[in-house]
Amino acid sequence: QAPGQEREFVAAIAWSGGFTYYADSVKGRFTISR
């Protein structure tokens, strides 16, 4: 959540770690892991 903006999704990861999801704005730059 940036100042003055709504909270937005960045990334998510399934319980097994086998599936990951990214917002278009961070795809290729951010990596989620567990």
PDB file of all heavy atoms in Angstrom:
ATOM      1  N   GLN A   1       0.839  -1.188   0.000  1.00  0.00           N
ATOM      2  CA  GLN A   1       0.000   0.000   0.000  1.00  0.00           C
ATOM      3  C   GLN A   1       0.875   1.239   0.000  1.00  0.00           C
ATOM      4  O   GLN A   1       1.654   1.447   0.937  1.00  0.00           O
ATOM      5  CB  GLN A   1      -0.945   0.016   1.208  1.00  0.00           C
ATOM      6  CG  GLN A   1      -1.967   1.126   1.166  1.00  0.00           C
ATOM      7  CD  GLN A   1      -3.057   0.931   2.189  1.00  0.00           C
ATOM      8  OE1 GLN A   1      -2.928   0.163   3.140  1.00  0.00           O
ATOM      9  NE2 GLN A   1      -4.179   1.612   1.995  1.00  0.00           N
ATOM     10  N   ALA A   2       0.765   2.006  -1.047  1.00  0.00           N
ATOM     11  CA  ALA A   2       1.485   3.263  -1.157  1.00  0.00           C
ATOM     12  C   ALA A   2       0.633   4.375  -0.564  1.00  0.00           C
ATOM     13  O   ALA A   2      -0.595   4.241  -0.472  1.00  0.00           O
ATOM     14  CB  ALA A   2       1.802   3.553  -2.615  1.00  0.00           C
ATOM     15  N   PRO A   3       1.253   5.483  -0.175  1.00  0.00           N
ATOM     16  CA  PRO A   3       0.490   6.593   0.421  1.00  0.00           C
ATOM     17  C   PRO A   3      -0.625   7.061  -0.506  1.00  0.00           C
ATOM     18  O   PRO A   3      -0.406   7.306  -1.693  1.00  0.00           O
ATOM     19  CB  PRO A   3       1.551   7.670   0.610  1.00  0.00           C
ATOM     20  CG  PRO A   3       2.834   6.925   0.736  1.00  0.00           C
ATOM     21  CD  PRO A   3       2.697   5.745  -0.175  1.00  0.00           C
ATOM     22  N   GLY A   4      -1.817   7.164   0.049  1.00  0.00           N
ATOM     23  CA  GLY A   4      -2.950   7.646  -0.718  1.00  0.00           C
ATOM     24  C   GLY A   4      -3.543   6.659  -1.687  1.00  0.00           C
ATOM     25  O   GLY A   4      -4.450   7.020  -2.458  1.00  0.00           O
ATOM     26  N   GLN A   5      -3.059   5.428  -1.664  1.00  0.00           N
ATOM     27  CA  GLN A   5      -3.560   4.418  -2.581  1.00  0.00           C
ATOM     28  C   GLN A   5      -4.123   3.229  -1.827  1.00  0.00           C
ATOM     29  O   GLN A   5      -3.856   3.038  -0.643  1.00  0.00           O
ATOM     30  CB  GLN A   5      -2.444   3.961  -3.524  1.00  0.00           C
ATOM     31  CG  GLN A   5      -1.896   5.065  -4.410  1.00  0.00           C
ATOM     32  CD  GLN A   5      -0.911   4.545  -5.428  1.00  0.00           C
ATOM     33  OE1 GLN A   5      -0.914   3.367  -5.781  1.00  0.00           O
ATOM     34  NE2 GLN A   5      -0.068   5.436  -5.931  1.00  0.00           N
ATOM     35  N   GLU A   6      -4.901   2.441  -2.533  1.00  0.00           N
ATOM     36  CA  GLU A   6      -5.464   1.241  -1.918  1.00  0.00           C
ATOM     37  C   GLU A   6      -4.421   0.131  -1.883  1.00  0.00           C
ATOM     38  O   GLU A   6      -3.454   0.120  -2.651  1.00  0.00           O
ATOM     39  CB  GLU A   6      -6.689   0.788  -2.703  1.00  0.00           C
ATOM     40  CG  GLU A   6      -7.852   1.756  -2.655  1.00  0.00           C
ATOM     41  CD  GLU A   6      -9.117   1.176  -3.247  1.00  0.00           C
ATOM     42  OE1 GLU A   6      -9.063   0.083  -3.818  1.00  0.00           O
ATOM     43  OE2 GLU A   6     -10.162   1.845  -3.139  1.00  0.00           O
ATOM     44  N   ARG A   7      -4.648  -0.801  -0.992  1.00  0.00           N
ATOM     45  CA  ARG A   7      -3.769  -1.957  -0.901  1.00  0.00           C
ATOM     46  C   ARG A   7      -3.891  -2.780  -2.180  1.00  0.00           C
ATOM     47  O   ARG A   7      -4.987  -3.021  -2.662  1.00  0.00           O
ATOM     48  CB  ARG A   7      -4.145  -2.793   0.315  1.00  0.00           C
ATOM     49  CG  ARG A   7      -3.147  -3.865   0.668  1.00  0.00           C
ATOM     50  CD  ARG A   7      -3.484  -4.498   2.007  1.00  0.00           C
ATOM     51  NE  ARG A   7      -3.427  -3.521   3.094  1.00  0.00           N
ATOM     52  CZ  ARG A   7      -3.514  -3.866   4.382  1.00  0.00           C
ATOM     53  NH1 ARG A   7      -3.645  -5.131   4.724  1.00  0.00           N
ATOM     54  NH2 ARG A   7      -3.477  -2.923   5.311  1.00  0.00           N
ATOM     55  N   GLU A   8      -2.761  -3.206  -2.699  1.00  0.00           N
ATOM     56  CA  GLU A   8      -2.787  -3.972  -3.934  1.00  0.00           C
ATOM     57  C   GLU A   8      -1.997  -5.268  -3.805  1.00  0.00           C
ATOM     58  O   GLU A   8      -1.037  -5.366  -3.043  1.00  0.00           O
ATOM     59  CB  GLU A   8      -2.205  -3.142  -5.104  1.00  0.00           C
ATOM     60  CG  GLU A   8      -0.741  -2.809  -4.985  1.00  0.00           C
ATOM     61  CD  GLU A   8      -0.168  -2.165  -6.239  1.00  0.00           C
ATOM     62  OE1 GLU A   8      -0.894  -2.017  -7.238  1.00  0.00           O
ATOM     63  OE2 GLU A   8       1.029  -1.814  -6.219  1.00  0.00           O
ATOM     64  N   PHE A   9      -2.418  -6.231  -4.574  1.00  0.00           N
ATOM     65  CA  PHE A   9      -1.768  -7.541  -4.604  1.00  0.00           C
ATOM     66  C   PHE A   9      -0.387  -7.422  -5.242  1.00  0.00           C
ATOM     67  O   PHE A   9      -0.208  -6.712  -6.231  1.00  0.00           O
ATOM     68  CB  PHE A   9      -2.638  -8.508  -5.405  1.00  0.00           C
ATOM     69  CG  PHE A   9      -1.978  -9.820  -5.718  1.00  0.00           C
ATOM     70  CD1 PHE A   9      -1.867 -10.808  -4.754  1.00  0.00           C
ATOM     71  CD2 PHE A   9      -1.451 -10.062  -6.978  1.00  0.00           C
ATOM     72  CE1 PHE A   9      -1.267 -12.017  -5.042  1.00  0.00           C
ATOM     73  CE2 PHE A   9      -0.850 -11.265  -7.286  1.00  0.00           C
ATOM     74  CZ  PHE A   9      -0.752 -12.247  -6.305  1.00  0.00           C
ATOM     75  N   VAL A  10       0.572  -8.160  -4.664  1.00  0.00           N
ATOM     76  CA  VAL A  10       1.918  -8.203  -5.227  1.00  0.00           C
ATOM     77  C   VAL A  10       2.265  -9.613  -5.703  1.00  0.00           C
ATOM     78  O   VAL A  10       2.643  -9.814  -6.853  1.00  0.00           O
ATOM     79  CB  VAL A  10       2.951  -7.729  -4.186  1.00  0.00           C
ATOM     80  CG1 VAL A  10       4.371  -7.885  -4.737  1.00  0.00           C
ATOM     81  CG2 VAL A  10       2.685  -6.295  -3.771  1.00  0.00           C
ATOM     82  N   ALA A  11       2.140 -10.580  -4.786  1.00  0.00           N
ATOM     83  CA  ALA A  11       2.519 -11.950  -5.131  1.00  0.00           C
ATOM     84  C   ALA A  11       1.876 -12.911  -4.154  1.00  0.00           C
ATOM     85  O   ALA A  11       1.501 -12.530  -3.045  1.00  0.00           O
ATOM     86  CB  ALA A  11       4.038 -12.114  -5.103  1.00  0.00           C
ATOM     87  N   ALA A  12       1.756 -14.171  -4.569  1.00  0.00           N
ATOM     88  CA  ALA A  12       1.225 -15.207  -3.701  1.00  0.00           C
ATOM     89  C   ALA A  12       1.875 -16.534  -4.047  1.00  0.00           C
ATOM     90  O   ALA A  12       2.389 -16.728  -5.158  1.00  0.00           O
ATOM     91  CB  ALA A  12      -0.298 -15.301  -3.834  1.00  0.00           C
ATOM     92  N   ILE A  13       1.827 -17.440  -3.070  1.00  0.00           N
ATOM     93  CA  ILE A  13       2.417 -18.752  -3.265  1.00  0.00           C
ATOM     94  C   ILE A  13       1.531 -19.784  -2.595  1.00  0.00           C
ATOM     95  O   ILE A  13       1.031 -19.580  -1.492  1.00  0.00           O
ATOM     96  CB  ILE A  13       3.856 -18.799  -2.719  1.00  0.00           C
ATOM     97  CG1 ILE A  13       4.540 -20.124  -3.064  1.00  0.00           C
ATOM     98  CG2 ILE A  13       3.902 -18.517  -1.224  1.00  0.00           C
ATOM     99  CD1 ILE A  13       6.051 -20.100  -2.834  1.00  0.00           C
ATOM    100  N   ALA A  14       1.312 -20.883  -3.293  1.00  0.00           N
ATOM    101  CA  ALA A  14       0.474 -21.946  -2.754  1.00  0.00           C
ATOM    102  C   ALA A  14       1.178 -22.651  -1.600  1.00  0.00           C
ATOM    103  O   ALA A  14       2.382 -22.520  -1.409  1.00  0.00           O
ATOM    104  CB  ALA A  14       0.142 -22.941  -3.860  1.00  0.00           C
ATOM    105  N   TRP A  15       0.394 -23.436  -0.862  1.00  0.00           N
ATOM    106  CA  TRP A  15       0.925 -24.087   0.346  1.00  0.00           C
ATOM    107  C   TRP A  15       2.137 -24.950   0.050  1.00  0.00           C
ATOM    108  O   TRP A  15       3.074 -25.032   0.845  1.00  0.00           O
ATOM    109  CB  TRP A  15      -0.160 -24.926   1.011  1.00  0.00           C
ATOM    110  CG  TRP A  15      -0.617 -26.087   0.167  1.00  0.00           C
ATOM    111  CD1 TRP A  15      -1.606 -26.097  -0.763  1.00  0.00           C
ATOM    112  CD2 TRP A  15      -0.073 -27.414   0.175  1.00  0.00           C
ATOM    113  NE1 TRP A  15      -1.712 -27.329  -1.340  1.00  0.00           N
ATOM    114  CE2 TRP A  15      -0.793 -28.172  -0.774  1.00  0.00           C
ATOM    115  CE3 TRP A  15       0.955 -28.037   0.895  1.00  0.00           C
ATOM    116  CZ2 TRP A  15      -0.521 -29.510  -1.015  1.00  0.00           C
ATOM    117  CZ3 TRP A  15       1.224 -29.371   0.654  1.00  0.00           C
ATOM    118  CH2 TRP A  15       0.487 -30.095  -0.299  1.00  0.00           C
ATOM    119  N   SER A  16       2.162 -25.574  -1.111  1.00  0.00           N
ATOM    120  CA  SER A  16       3.265 -26.465  -1.458  1.00  0.00           C
ATOM    121  C   SER A  16       4.446 -25.734  -2.068  1.00  0.00           C
ATOM    122  O   SER A  16       5.532 -26.300  -2.209  1.00  0.00           O
ATOM    123  CB  SER A  16       2.779 -27.507  -2.465  1.00  0.00           C
ATOM    124  OG  SER A  16       2.425 -26.861  -3.680  1.00  0.00           O
ATOM    125  N   GLY A  17       4.225 -24.496  -2.435  1.00  0.00           N
ATOM    126  CA  GLY A  17       5.263 -23.767  -3.153  1.00  0.00           C
ATOM    127  C   GLY A  17       5.279 -24.051  -4.630  1.00  0.00           C
ATOM    128  O   GLY A  17       6.073 -23.469  -5.372  1.00  0.00           O
ATOM    129  N   GLY A  18       4.401 -24.921  -5.079  1.00  0.00           N
ATOM    130  CA  GLY A  18       4.413 -25.317  -6.477  1.00  0.00           C
ATOM    131  C   GLY A  18       3.797 -24.311  -7.415  1.00  0.00           C
ATOM    132  O   GLY A  18       4.028 -24.386  -8.636  1.00  0.00           O
ATOM    133  N   PHE A  19       2.997 -23.413  -6.890  1.00  0.00           N
ATOM    134  CA  PHE A  19       2.351 -22.404  -7.732  1.00  0.00           C
ATOM    135  C   PHE A  19       2.641 -21.028  -7.168  1.00  0.00           C
ATOM    136  O   PHE A  19       2.519 -20.806  -5.967  1.00  0.00           O
ATOM    137  CB  PHE A  19       0.839 -22.632  -7.792  1.00  0.00           C
ATOM    138  CG  PHE A  19       0.453 -23.913  -8.480  1.00  0.00           C
ATOM    139  CD1 PHE A  19       0.203 -25.061  -7.736  1.00  0.00           C
ATOM    140  CD2 PHE A  19       0.335 -23.972  -9.858  1.00  0.00           C
ATOM    141  CE1 PHE A  19      -0.141 -26.246  -8.363  1.00  0.00           C
ATOM    142  CE2 PHE A  19      -0.022 -25.145 -10.489  1.00  0.00           C
ATOM    143  CZ  PHE A  19      -0.260 -26.286  -9.737  1.00  0.00           C
ATOM    144  N   THR A  20       3.012 -20.119  -8.037  1.00  0.00           N
ATOM    145  CA  THR A  20       3.241 -18.744  -7.641  1.00  0.00           C
ATOM    146  C   THR A  20       2.469 -17.816  -8.566  1.00  0.00           C
ATOM    147  O   THR A  20       2.188 -18.165  -9.722  1.00  0.00           O
ATOM    148  CB  THR A  20       4.740 -18.381  -7.687  1.00  0.00           C
ATOM    149  OG1 THR A  20       5.248 -18.642  -9.000  1.00  0.00           O
ATOM    150  CG2 THR A  20       5.528 -19.175  -6.662  1.00  0.00           C
ATOM    151  N   TYR A  21       2.142 -16.652  -8.054  1.00  0.00           N
ATOM    152  CA  TYR A  21       1.326 -15.688  -8.778  1.00  0.00           C
ATOM    153  C   TYR A  21       1.912 -14.301  -8.549  1.00  0.00           C
ATOM    154  O   TYR A  21       2.360 -14.000  -7.443  1.00  0.00           O
ATOM    155  CB  TYR A  21      -0.114 -15.722  -8.259  1.00  0.00           C
ATOM    156  CG  TYR A  21      -0.701 -17.114  -8.157  1.00  0.00           C
ATOM    157  CD1 TYR A  21      -0.461 -17.905  -7.044  1.00  0.00           C
ATOM    158  CD2 TYR A  21      -1.477 -17.641  -9.182  1.00  0.00           C
ATOM    159  CE1 TYR A  21      -0.977 -19.189  -6.942  1.00  0.00           C
ATOM    160  CE2 TYR A  21      -2.013 -18.918  -9.092  1.00  0.00           C
ATOM    161  CZ  TYR A  21      -1.754 -19.687  -7.973  1.00  0.00           C
ATOM    162  OH  TYR A  21      -2.268 -20.953  -7.881  1.00  0.00           O
ATOM    163  N   TYR A  22       1.878 -13.470  -9.574  1.00  0.00           N
ATOM    164  CA  TYR A  22       2.464 -12.148  -9.484  1.00  0.00           C
ATOM    165  C   TYR A  22       1.578 -11.096 -10.131  1.00  0.00           C
ATOM    166  O   TYR A  22       0.886 -11.364 -11.123  1.00  0.00           O
ATOM    167  CB  TYR A  22       3.832 -12.112 -10.173  1.00  0.00           C
ATOM    168  CG  TYR A  22       4.859 -13.008  -9.542  1.00  0.00           C
ATOM    169  CD1 TYR A  22       5.071 -14.301 -10.017  1.00  0.00           C
ATOM    170  CD2 TYR A  22       5.598 -12.582  -8.440  1.00  0.00           C
ATOM    171  CE1 TYR A  22       6.007 -15.134  -9.423  1.00  0.00           C
ATOM    172  CE2 TYR A  22       6.538 -13.412  -7.845  1.00  0.00           C
ATOM    173  CZ  TYR A  22       6.729 -14.680  -8.341  1.00  0.00           C
ATOM    174  OH  TYR A  22       7.647 -15.506  -7.734  1.00  0.00           O
ATOM    175  N   ALA A  23       1.639  -9.906  -9.584  1.00  0.00           N
ATOM    176  CA  ALA A  23       1.043  -8.769 -10.268  1.00  0.00           C
ATOM    177  C   ALA A  23       1.888  -8.449 -11.498  1.00  0.00           C
ATOM    178  O   ALA A  23       3.114  -8.646 -11.488  1.00  0.00           O
ATOM    179  CB  ALA A  23       1.006  -7.561  -9.331  1.00  0.00           C
ATOM    180  N   ASP A  24       1.266  -7.955 -12.523  1.00  0.00           N
ATOM    181  CA  ASP A  24       1.994  -7.641 -13.758  1.00  0.00           C
ATOM    182  C   ASP A  24       3.106  -6.633 -13.501  1.00  0.00           C
ATOM    183  O   ASP A  24       4.156  -6.683 -14.146  1.00  0.00           O
ATOM    184  CB  ASP A  24       1.030  -7.094 -14.808  1.00  0.00           C
ATOM    185  CG  ASP A  24       0.115  -8.157 -15.376  1.00  0.00           C
ATOM    186  OD1 ASP A  24       0.427  -9.363 -15.207  1.00  0.00           O
ATOM    187  OD2 ASP A  24      -0.904  -7.794 -15.981  1.00  0.00           O
ATOM    188  N   SER A  25       2.880  -5.740 -12.557  1.00  0.00           N
ATOM    189  CA  SER A  25       3.843  -4.667 -12.301  1.00  0.00           C
ATOM    190  C   SER A  25       5.152  -5.172 -11.693  1.00  0.00           C
ATOM    191  O   SER A  25       6.164  -4.456 -11.727  1.00  0.00           O
ATOM    192  CB  SER A  25       3.219  -3.623 -11.380  1.00  0.00           C
ATOM    193  OG  SER A  25       2.823  -4.214 -10.161  1.00  0.00           O
ATOM    194  N   VAL A  26       5.150  -6.385 -11.141  1.00  0.00           N
ATOM    195  CA  VAL A  26       6.367  -6.895 -10.495  1.00  0.00           C
ATOM    196  C   VAL A  26       6.895  -8.159 -11.153  1.00  0.00           C
ATOM    197  O   VAL A  26       7.980  -8.637 -10.800  1.00  0.00           O
ATOM    198  CB  VAL A  26       6.128  -7.168  -8.996  1.00  0.00           C
ATOM    199  CG1 VAL A  26       5.576  -5.933  -8.306  1.00  0.00           C
ATOM    200  CG2 VAL A  26       5.228  -8.370  -8.783  1.00  0.00           C
ATOM    201  N   LYS A  27       6.161  -8.683 -12.105  1.00  0.00           N
ATOM    202  CA  LYS A  27       6.561  -9.937 -12.754  1.00  0.00           C
ATOM    203  C   LYS A  27       7.931  -9.768 -13.400  1.00  0.00           C
ATOM    204  O   LYS A  27       8.194  -8.787 -14.086  1.00  0.00           O
ATOM    205  CB  LYS A  27       5.505 -10.325 -13.783  1.00  0.00           C
ATOM    206  CG  LYS A  27       5.521 -11.780 -14.193  1.00  0.00           C
ATOM    207  CD  LYS A  27       4.320 -12.102 -15.071  1.00  0.00           C
ATOM    208  CE  LYS A  27       3.017 -11.943 -14.332  1.00  0.00           C
ATOM    209  NZ  LYS A  27       1.846 -12.309 -15.168  1.00  0.00           N
ATOM    210  N   GLY A  28       8.810 -10.732 -13.144  1.00  0.00           N
ATOM    211  CA  GLY A  28      10.163 -10.666 -13.686  1.00  0.00           C
ATOM    212  C   GLY A  28      11.149  -9.946 -12.797  1.00  0.00           C
ATOM    213  O   GLY A  28      12.359 -10.048 -13.001  1.00  0.00           O
ATOM    214  N   ARG A  29      10.660  -9.228 -11.805  1.00  0.00           N
ATOM    215  CA  ARG A  29      11.542  -8.508 -10.881  1.00  0.00           C
ATOM    216  C   ARG A  29      11.458  -9.066  -9.463  1.00  0.00           C
ATOM    217  O   ARG A  29      12.451  -9.059  -8.735  1.00  0.00           O
ATOM    218  CB  ARG A  29      11.188  -7.021 -10.852  1.00  0.00           C
ATOM    219  CG  ARG A  29      11.327  -6.323 -12.190  1.00  0.00           C
ATOM    220  CD  ARG A  29      11.133  -4.825 -12.053  1.00  0.00           C
ATOM    221  NE  ARG A  29       9.801  -4.457 -11.561  1.00  0.00           N
ATOM    222  CZ  ARG A  29       9.582  -3.764 -10.448  1.00  0.00           C
ATOM    223  NH1 ARG A  29      10.598  -3.356  -9.707  1.00  0.00           N
ATOM    224  NH2 ARG A  29       8.341  -3.467 -10.085  1.00  0.00           N
ATOM    225  N   PHE A  30      10.277  -9.503  -9.067  1.00  0.00           N
ATOM    226  CA  PHE A  30      10.060 -10.025  -7.710  1.00  0.00           C
ATOM    227  C   PHE A  30       9.911 -11.540  -7.754  1.00  0.00           C
ATOM    228  O   PHE A  30       9.367 -12.096  -8.726  1.00  0.00           O
ATOM    229  CB  PHE A  30       8.800  -9.431  -7.101  1.00  0.00           C
ATOM    230  CG  PHE A  30       8.869  -7.958  -6.767  1.00  0.00           C
ATOM    231  CD1 PHE A  30       9.920  -7.156  -7.195  1.00  0.00           C
ATOM    232  CD2 PHE A  30       7.862  -7.385  -5.993  1.00  0.00           C
ATOM    233  CE1 PHE A  30       9.973  -5.809  -6.880  1.00  0.00           C
ATOM    234  CE2 PHE A  30       7.901  -6.040  -5.664  1.00  0.00           C
ATOM    235  CZ  PHE A  30       8.947  -5.247  -6.121  1.00  0.00           C
ATOM    236  N   THR A  31      10.354 -12.186  -6.680  1.00  0.00           N
ATOM    237  CA  THR A  31      10.205 -13.632  -6.561  1.00  0.00           C
ATOM    238  C   THR A  31       9.706 -13.974  -5.165  1.00  0.00           C
ATOM    239  O   THR A  31      10.316 -13.557  -4.175  1.00  0.00           O
ATOM    240  CB  THR A  31      11.524 -14.357  -6.815  1.00  0.00           C
ATOM    241  OG1 THR A  31      12.021 -14.027  -8.117  1.00  0.00           O
ATOM    242  CG2 THR A  31      11.331 -15.873  -6.729  1.00  0.00           C
ATOM    243  N   ILE A  32       8.616 -14.716  -5.108  1.00  0.00           N
ATOM    244  CA  ILE A  32       8.097 -15.185  -3.825  1.00  0.00           C
ATOM    245  C   ILE A  32       8.521 -16.629  -3.628  1.00  0.00           C
ATOM    246  O   ILE A  32       8.534 -17.426  -4.584  1.00  0.00           O
ATOM    247  CB  ILE A  32       6.557 -15.031  -3.765  1.00  0.00           C
ATOM    248  CG1 ILE A  32       6.047 -15.332  -2.361  1.00  0.00           C
ATOM    249  CG2 ILE A  32       5.865 -15.892  -4.815  1.00  0.00           C
ATOM    250  CD1 ILE A  32       4.562 -14.999  -2.153  1.00  0.00           C
ATOM    251  N   SER A  33       8.874 -16.954  -2.401  1.00  0.00           N
ATOM    252  CA  SER A  33       9.263 -18.327  -2.077  1.00  0.00           C
ATOM    253  C   SER A  33       8.905 -18.599  -0.624  1.00  0.00           C
ATOM    254  O   SER A  33       8.563 -17.670   0.113  1.00  0.00           O
ATOM    255  CB  SER A  33      10.761 -18.547  -2.314  1.00  0.00           C
ATOM    256  OG  SER A  33      11.523 -17.692  -1.483  1.00  0.00           O
ATOM    257  N   ARG A  34       8.987 -19.855  -0.235  1.00  0.00           N
ATOM    258  CA  ARG A  34       8.651 -20.199   1.148  1.00  0.00           C
ATOM    259  C   ARG A  34       9.520 -21.344   1.632  1.00  0.00           C
ATOM    260  O   ARG A  34       9.979 -22.176   0.847  1.00  0.00           O
ATOM    261  CB  ARG A  34       7.175 -20.566   1.265  1.00  0.00           C
ATOM    262  CG  ARG A  34       6.762 -21.838   0.552  1.00  0.00           C
ATOM    263  CD  ARG A  34       5.235 -21.978   0.547  1.00  0.00           C
ATOM    264  NE  ARG A  34       4.683 -22.113   1.877  1.00  0.00           N
ATOM    265  CZ  ARG A  34       3.401 -21.863   2.184  1.00  0.00           C
ATOM    266  NH1 ARG A  34       2.557 -21.459   1.239  1.00  0.00           N
ATOM    267  NH2 ARG A  34       2.966 -22.019   3.413  1.00  0.00           N
TER     268      ARG A  34
END
